[in-house]
Amino acid sequence: MSWDYENPCIIELIAEQEHIDGLNHVNNAVYVNWCEEAAWSHSVSLGFGLEEFQELDCAFAIRRSEYDYLLPTTLGEAVQVATWITECDGRFSTVRSFQMIRLSDGAVLLRAKW
């Protein structure tokens, strides 16, 4: 796959019937949920799951989000959602970027930032 950045954290998903809306494609809200799944997977891979955040009594909060929905996903299609921390001020602010690719043809379906 051609990712926007090096060393992505990737999850793979398949569009199931519950993800499909009245227009016969994956609902945009599902794309948001899939990005959240990728973000948690990345956080856990770095050693910061929900339990660690609870112990620290702190967590990241989304203050702004931007989603560019580029192409639809239909029932049964497999996708990969990749995420990276692409900006960090060294203190309290980060930017997390996302890219979603359809496995069958490598098409970019979504780019997003939080």
N, C-alpha and C. Protein backbone atom coordinates (compact mmCIF):
# COMPACT_ATOMS: atom_id res chain seq x y z
N MET A 1 0.83 -1.18 0.00
CA MET A 1 0.00 0.00 0.00
C MET A 1 0.87 1.25 0.00
N SER A 2 0.33 2.28 -0.53
CA SER A 2 1.03 3.57 -0.59
C SER A 2 0.47 4.47 0.51
N TRP A 3 1.18 4.51 1.62
CA TRP A 3 0.73 5.30 2.77
C TRP A 3 1.31 6.69 2.72
N ASP A 4 0.60 7.63 3.30
CA ASP A 4 1.02 9.03 3.32
C ASP A 4 2.27 9.25 4.18
N TYR A 5 2.45 8.42 5.21
CA TYR A 5 3.57 8.55 6.13
C TYR A 5 4.17 7.17 6.37
N GLU A 6 5.39 7.15 6.87
CA GLU A 6 6.06 5.88 7.18
C GLU A 6 5.53 5.29 8.48
N ASN A 7 5.72 3.99 8.62
CA ASN A 7 5.43 3.24 9.84
C ASN A 7 4.01 3.42 10.37
N PRO A 8 3.02 3.12 9.55
CA PRO A 8 1.64 3.27 10.03
C PRO A 8 1.26 2.18 11.02
N CYS A 9 0.34 2.50 11.89
CA CYS A 9 -0.37 1.50 12.69
C CYS A 9 -1.63 1.20 11.89
N ILE A 10 -1.85 -0.06 11.54
CA ILE A 10 -2.91 -0.42 10.60
C ILE A 10 -3.88 -1.41 11.24
N ILE A 11 -5.17 -1.16 11.01
CA ILE A 11 -6.18 -2.17 11.31
C ILE A 11 -6.89 -2.51 10.00
N GLU A 12 -7.38 -3.73 9.91
CA GLU A 12 -8.10 -4.16 8.72
C GLU A 12 -9.54 -4.46 9.10
N LEU A 13 -10.46 -4.00 8.26
CA LEU A 13 -11.89 -4.15 8.52
C LEU A 13 -12.60 -4.57 7.24
N ILE A 14 -13.77 -5.18 7.42
CA ILE A 14 -14.61 -5.54 6.29
C ILE A 14 -15.96 -4.87 6.48
N ALA A 15 -16.46 -4.26 5.41
CA ALA A 15 -17.77 -3.60 5.47
C ALA A 15 -18.86 -4.66 5.61
N GLU A 16 -19.54 -4.65 6.74
CA GLU A 16 -20.61 -5.59 7.04
C GLU A 16 -21.96 -4.90 6.83
N GLN A 17 -23.03 -5.68 6.82
CA GLN A 17 -24.37 -5.14 6.58
C GLN A 17 -24.73 -4.01 7.55
N GLU A 18 -24.32 -4.14 8.81
CA GLU A 18 -24.66 -3.11 9.81
C GLU A 18 -23.97 -1.77 9.54
N HIS A 19 -22.96 -1.75 8.69
CA HIS A 19 -22.24 -0.53 8.35
C HIS A 19 -22.88 0.21 7.17
N ILE A 20 -23.78 -0.46 6.45
CA ILE A 20 -24.33 0.06 5.21
C ILE A 20 -25.55 0.93 5.48
N ASP A 21 -25.62 2.08 4.79
CA ASP A 21 -26.75 2.98 4.98
C ASP A 21 -27.72 2.88 3.80
N GLY A 22 -28.69 3.75 3.75
CA GLY A 22 -29.72 3.73 2.72
C GLY A 22 -29.22 3.97 1.32
N LEU A 23 -28.01 4.47 1.19
CA LEU A 23 -27.42 4.70 -0.13
C LEU A 23 -26.52 3.53 -0.56
N ASN A 24 -26.59 2.44 0.21
CA ASN A 24 -25.86 1.20 -0.10
C ASN A 24 -24.34 1.35 -0.04
N HIS A 25 -23.87 2.20 0.85
CA HIS A 25 -22.43 2.25 1.12
C HIS A 25 -22.22 2.46 2.62
N VAL A 26 -20.99 2.29 3.05
CA VAL A 26 -20.67 2.47 4.47
C VAL A 26 -20.98 3.92 4.85
N ASN A 27 -21.74 4.08 5.92
CA ASN A 27 -22.12 5.39 6.42
C ASN A 27 -20.88 6.16 6.88
N ASN A 28 -20.88 7.46 6.67
CA ASN A 28 -19.74 8.29 7.08
C ASN A 28 -19.45 8.18 8.57
N ALA A 29 -20.48 8.02 9.39
CA ALA A 29 -20.26 7.88 10.84
C ALA A 29 -19.47 6.62 11.16
N VAL A 30 -19.63 5.59 10.34
CA VAL A 30 -18.85 4.36 10.54
C VAL A 30 -17.38 4.63 10.27
N TYR A 31 -17.09 5.45 9.25
CA TYR A 31 -15.69 5.81 8.99
C TYR A 31 -15.08 6.48 10.23
N VAL A 32 -15.85 7.34 10.89
CA VAL A 32 -15.37 7.99 12.11
C VAL A 32 -15.08 6.94 13.18
N ASN A 33 -15.99 5.98 13.35
CA ASN A 33 -15.77 4.91 14.33
C ASN A 33 -14.55 4.07 13.99
N TRP A 34 -14.36 3.80 12.71
CA TRP A 34 -13.19 3.02 12.31
C TRP A 34 -11.89 3.77 12.61
N CYS A 35 -11.90 5.09 12.45
CA CYS A 35 -10.72 5.88 12.82
C CYS A 35 -10.47 5.79 14.32
N GLU A 36 -11.53 5.83 15.10
CA GLU A 36 -11.38 5.70 16.55
C GLU A 36 -10.79 4.33 16.90
N GLU A 37 -11.25 3.27 16.24
CA GLU A 37 -10.68 1.93 16.47
C GLU A 37 -9.19 1.91 16.16
N ALA A 38 -8.81 2.54 15.06
CA ALA A 38 -7.39 2.59 14.68
C ALA A 38 -6.59 3.37 15.72
N ALA A 39 -7.15 4.47 16.19
CA ALA A 39 -6.45 5.28 17.20
C ALA A 39 -6.22 4.49 18.48
N TRP A 40 -7.25 3.77 18.94
CA TRP A 40 -7.10 2.96 20.15
C TRP A 40 -6.09 1.84 19.93
N SER A 41 -6.13 1.22 18.77
CA SER A 41 -5.17 0.16 18.48
C SER A 41 -3.74 0.70 18.54
N HIS A 42 -3.54 1.88 17.98
CA HIS A 42 -2.22 2.50 18.01
C HIS A 42 -1.80 2.83 19.44
N SER A 43 -2.71 3.41 20.20
CA SER A 43 -2.41 3.77 21.58
C SER A 43 -2.04 2.53 22.40
N VAL A 44 -2.82 1.46 22.25
CA VAL A 44 -2.54 0.22 22.97
C VAL A 44 -1.17 -0.34 22.57
N SER A 45 -0.86 -0.27 21.26
CA SER A 45 0.44 -0.78 20.79
C SER A 45 1.60 -0.01 21.40
N LEU A 46 1.35 1.23 21.82
CA LEU A 46 2.38 2.06 22.46
C LEU A 46 2.36 1.93 23.98
N GLY A 47 1.48 1.06 24.50
CA GLY A 47 1.43 0.82 25.94
C GLY A 47 0.46 1.69 26.69
N PHE A 48 -0.45 2.37 25.99
CA PHE A 48 -1.41 3.25 26.65
C PHE A 48 -2.83 2.86 26.27
N GLY A 49 -3.35 1.86 26.97
CA GLY A 49 -4.74 1.47 26.83
C GLY A 49 -5.60 2.24 27.82
N LEU A 50 -6.86 1.92 27.86
CA LEU A 50 -7.80 2.62 28.73
C LEU A 50 -7.37 2.53 30.19
N GLU A 51 -6.90 1.38 30.62
CA GLU A 51 -6.49 1.21 32.02
C GLU A 51 -5.35 2.16 32.38
N GLU A 52 -4.37 2.32 31.49
CA GLU A 52 -3.25 3.22 31.77
C GLU A 52 -3.71 4.68 31.85
N PHE A 53 -4.62 5.06 30.97
CA PHE A 53 -5.14 6.43 31.04
C PHE A 53 -5.93 6.64 32.32
N GLN A 54 -6.69 5.64 32.75
CA GLN A 54 -7.44 5.76 34.00
C GLN A 54 -6.49 5.89 35.18
N GLU A 55 -5.40 5.12 35.19
CA GLU A 55 -4.42 5.21 36.27
C GLU A 55 -3.77 6.59 36.32
N LEU A 56 -3.50 7.16 35.15
CA LEU A 56 -2.89 8.49 35.08
C LEU A 56 -3.89 9.62 35.31
N ASP A 57 -5.18 9.28 35.26
CA ASP A 57 -6.27 10.25 35.39
C ASP A 57 -6.13 11.38 34.35
N CYS A 58 -5.80 10.95 33.13
CA CYS A 58 -5.73 11.90 32.02
C CYS A 58 -5.90 11.13 30.71
N ALA A 59 -6.13 11.86 29.65
CA ALA A 59 -6.28 11.23 28.34
C ALA A 59 -6.22 12.29 27.27
N PHE A 60 -6.13 11.84 26.04
CA PHE A 60 -6.22 12.75 24.91
C PHE A 60 -7.68 13.09 24.66
N ALA A 61 -7.92 14.30 24.23
CA ALA A 61 -9.28 14.72 23.88
C ALA A 61 -9.24 15.31 22.48
N ILE A 62 -10.23 14.99 21.70
CA ILE A 62 -10.32 15.54 20.35
C ILE A 62 -10.90 16.94 20.45
N ARG A 63 -10.12 17.92 20.07
CA ARG A 63 -10.58 19.30 20.10
C ARG A 63 -11.05 19.77 18.73
N ARG A 64 -10.56 19.10 17.70
CA ARG A 64 -10.92 19.45 16.33
C ARG A 64 -10.75 18.20 15.48
N SER A 65 -11.65 18.00 14.55
CA SER A 65 -11.49 16.88 13.62
C SER A 65 -11.84 17.33 12.21
N GLU A 66 -11.20 16.68 11.26
CA GLU A 66 -11.40 17.01 9.85
C GLU A 66 -11.39 15.70 9.08
N TYR A 67 -12.45 15.44 8.32
CA TYR A 67 -12.57 14.21 7.54
C TYR A 67 -12.80 14.55 6.08
N ASP A 68 -11.98 13.99 5.22
CA ASP A 68 -12.16 14.11 3.78
C ASP A 68 -12.61 12.75 3.26
N TYR A 69 -13.90 12.64 2.96
CA TYR A 69 -14.48 11.40 2.45
C TYR A 69 -14.28 11.38 0.94
N LEU A 70 -13.40 10.53 0.46
CA LEU A 70 -12.99 10.57 -0.93
C LEU A 70 -13.75 9.60 -1.83
N LEU A 71 -14.00 8.40 -1.35
CA LEU A 71 -14.71 7.38 -2.12
C LEU A 71 -15.55 6.51 -1.18
N PRO A 72 -16.62 5.92 -1.69
CA PRO A 72 -17.45 5.06 -0.85
C PRO A 72 -16.85 3.66 -0.68
N THR A 73 -17.34 3.00 0.35
CA THR A 73 -17.04 1.59 0.59
C THR A 73 -18.36 0.85 0.56
N THR A 74 -18.39 -0.31 -0.11
CA THR A 74 -19.63 -1.07 -0.22
C THR A 74 -19.52 -2.39 0.52
N LEU A 75 -20.66 -3.03 0.66
CA LEU A 75 -20.77 -4.28 1.41
C LEU A 75 -19.73 -5.30 0.96
N GLY A 76 -19.04 -5.86 1.94
CA GLY A 76 -18.06 -6.91 1.70
C GLY A 76 -16.66 -6.45 1.38
N GLU A 77 -16.48 -5.15 1.14
CA GLU A 77 -15.14 -4.67 0.80
C GLU A 77 -14.24 -4.64 2.04
N ALA A 78 -13.00 -5.03 1.85
CA ALA A 78 -12.00 -4.99 2.90
C ALA A 78 -11.22 -3.69 2.79
N VAL A 79 -10.99 -3.06 3.93
CA VAL A 79 -10.24 -1.81 3.98
C VAL A 79 -9.18 -1.90 5.07
N GLN A 80 -8.16 -1.07 4.92
CA GLN A 80 -7.19 -0.87 5.99
C GLN A 80 -7.26 0.59 6.40
N VAL A 81 -7.25 0.81 7.70
CA VAL A 81 -7.21 2.16 8.25
C VAL A 81 -5.86 2.31 8.95
N ALA A 82 -5.11 3.29 8.51
CA ALA A 82 -3.79 3.55 9.09
C ALA A 82 -3.83 4.86 9.87
N THR A 83 -3.00 4.93 10.90
CA THR A 83 -2.93 6.15 11.70
C THR A 83 -1.50 6.41 12.14
N TRP A 84 -1.24 7.68 12.38
CA TRP A 84 0.06 8.16 12.84
C TRP A 84 -0.14 9.39 13.70
N ILE A 85 0.80 9.65 14.59
CA ILE A 85 0.90 10.96 15.24
C ILE A 85 1.81 11.77 14.32
N THR A 86 1.25 12.79 13.68
CA THR A 86 2.01 13.53 12.66
C THR A 86 2.52 14.88 13.15
N GLU A 87 2.01 15.33 14.29
CA GLU A 87 2.51 16.56 14.89
C GLU A 87 2.45 16.41 16.40
N CYS A 88 3.43 17.02 17.08
CA CYS A 88 3.43 17.01 18.54
C CYS A 88 4.20 18.24 19.01
N ASP A 89 3.59 18.97 19.93
CA ASP A 89 4.26 20.17 20.42
C ASP A 89 5.22 19.86 21.58
N GLY A 90 5.33 18.57 21.93
CA GLY A 90 6.23 18.20 23.01
C GLY A 90 5.66 18.41 24.39
N ARG A 91 4.42 18.87 24.44
CA ARG A 91 3.79 19.13 25.73
C ARG A 91 2.40 18.50 25.78
N PHE A 92 1.40 19.20 25.21
CA PHE A 92 0.03 18.77 25.39
C PHE A 92 -0.75 18.55 24.11
N SER A 93 -0.25 18.99 22.99
CA SER A 93 -1.02 18.92 21.75
C SER A 93 -0.37 18.00 20.72
N THR A 94 -1.19 17.19 20.10
CA THR A 94 -0.74 16.34 19.00
C THR A 94 -1.77 16.43 17.87
N VAL A 95 -1.35 16.00 16.71
CA VAL A 95 -2.25 15.81 15.59
C VAL A 95 -2.12 14.35 15.17
N ARG A 96 -3.25 13.68 15.10
CA ARG A 96 -3.29 12.29 14.65
C ARG A 96 -3.88 12.30 13.25
N SER A 97 -3.18 11.67 12.31
CA SER A 97 -3.65 11.58 10.94
C SER A 97 -4.11 10.16 10.63
N PHE A 98 -5.05 10.07 9.68
CA PHE A 98 -5.61 8.79 9.27
C PHE A 98 -5.64 8.71 7.75
N GLN A 99 -5.57 7.50 7.25
CA GLN A 99 -5.76 7.23 5.83
C GLN A 99 -6.44 5.87 5.72
N MET A 100 -7.47 5.78 4.89
CA MET A 100 -8.18 4.52 4.68
C MET A 100 -8.01 4.11 3.22
N ILE A 101 -7.62 2.86 3.01
CA ILE A 101 -7.39 2.33 1.66
C ILE A 101 -8.22 1.08 1.46
N ARG A 102 -8.83 0.97 0.27
CA ARG A 102 -9.56 -0.24 -0.11
C ARG A 102 -8.53 -1.26 -0.60
N LEU A 103 -8.60 -2.47 -0.08
CA LEU A 103 -7.59 -3.47 -0.41
C LEU A 103 -7.67 -3.96 -1.85
N SER A 104 -8.86 -4.02 -2.42
CA SER A 104 -8.99 -4.61 -3.76
C SER A 104 -8.27 -3.81 -4.84
N ASP A 105 -8.19 -2.49 -4.69
CA ASP A 105 -7.57 -1.68 -5.74
C ASP A 105 -6.60 -0.61 -5.22
N GLY A 106 -6.41 -0.54 -3.90
CA GLY A 106 -5.48 0.43 -3.34
C GLY A 106 -5.99 1.86 -3.34
N ALA A 107 -7.28 2.06 -3.66
CA ALA A 107 -7.84 3.41 -3.70
C ALA A 107 -7.91 4.00 -2.29
N VAL A 108 -7.58 5.28 -2.19
CA VAL A 108 -7.69 6.00 -0.92
C VAL A 108 -9.14 6.43 -0.76
N LEU A 109 -9.76 6.01 0.33
CA LEU A 109 -11.16 6.28 0.59
C LEU A 109 -11.37 7.47 1.51
N LEU A 110 -10.40 7.71 2.38
CA LEU A 110 -10.55 8.75 3.41
C LEU A 110 -9.19 9.22 3.85
N ARG A 111 -9.13 10.50 4.15
CA ARG A 111 -8.01 11.09 4.90
C ARG A 111 -8.66 11.91 6.01
N ALA A 112 -8.05 11.86 7.18
CA ALA A 112 -8.63 12.59 8.31
C ALA A 112 -7.53 13.05 9.25
N LYS A 113 -7.88 14.02 10.09
CA LYS A 113 -6.98 14.50 11.14
C LYS A 113 -7.80 14.84 12.37
N TRP A 114 -7.21 14.57 13.50
CA TRP A 114 -7.78 15.02 14.79
C TRP A 114 -6.73 15.87 15.46
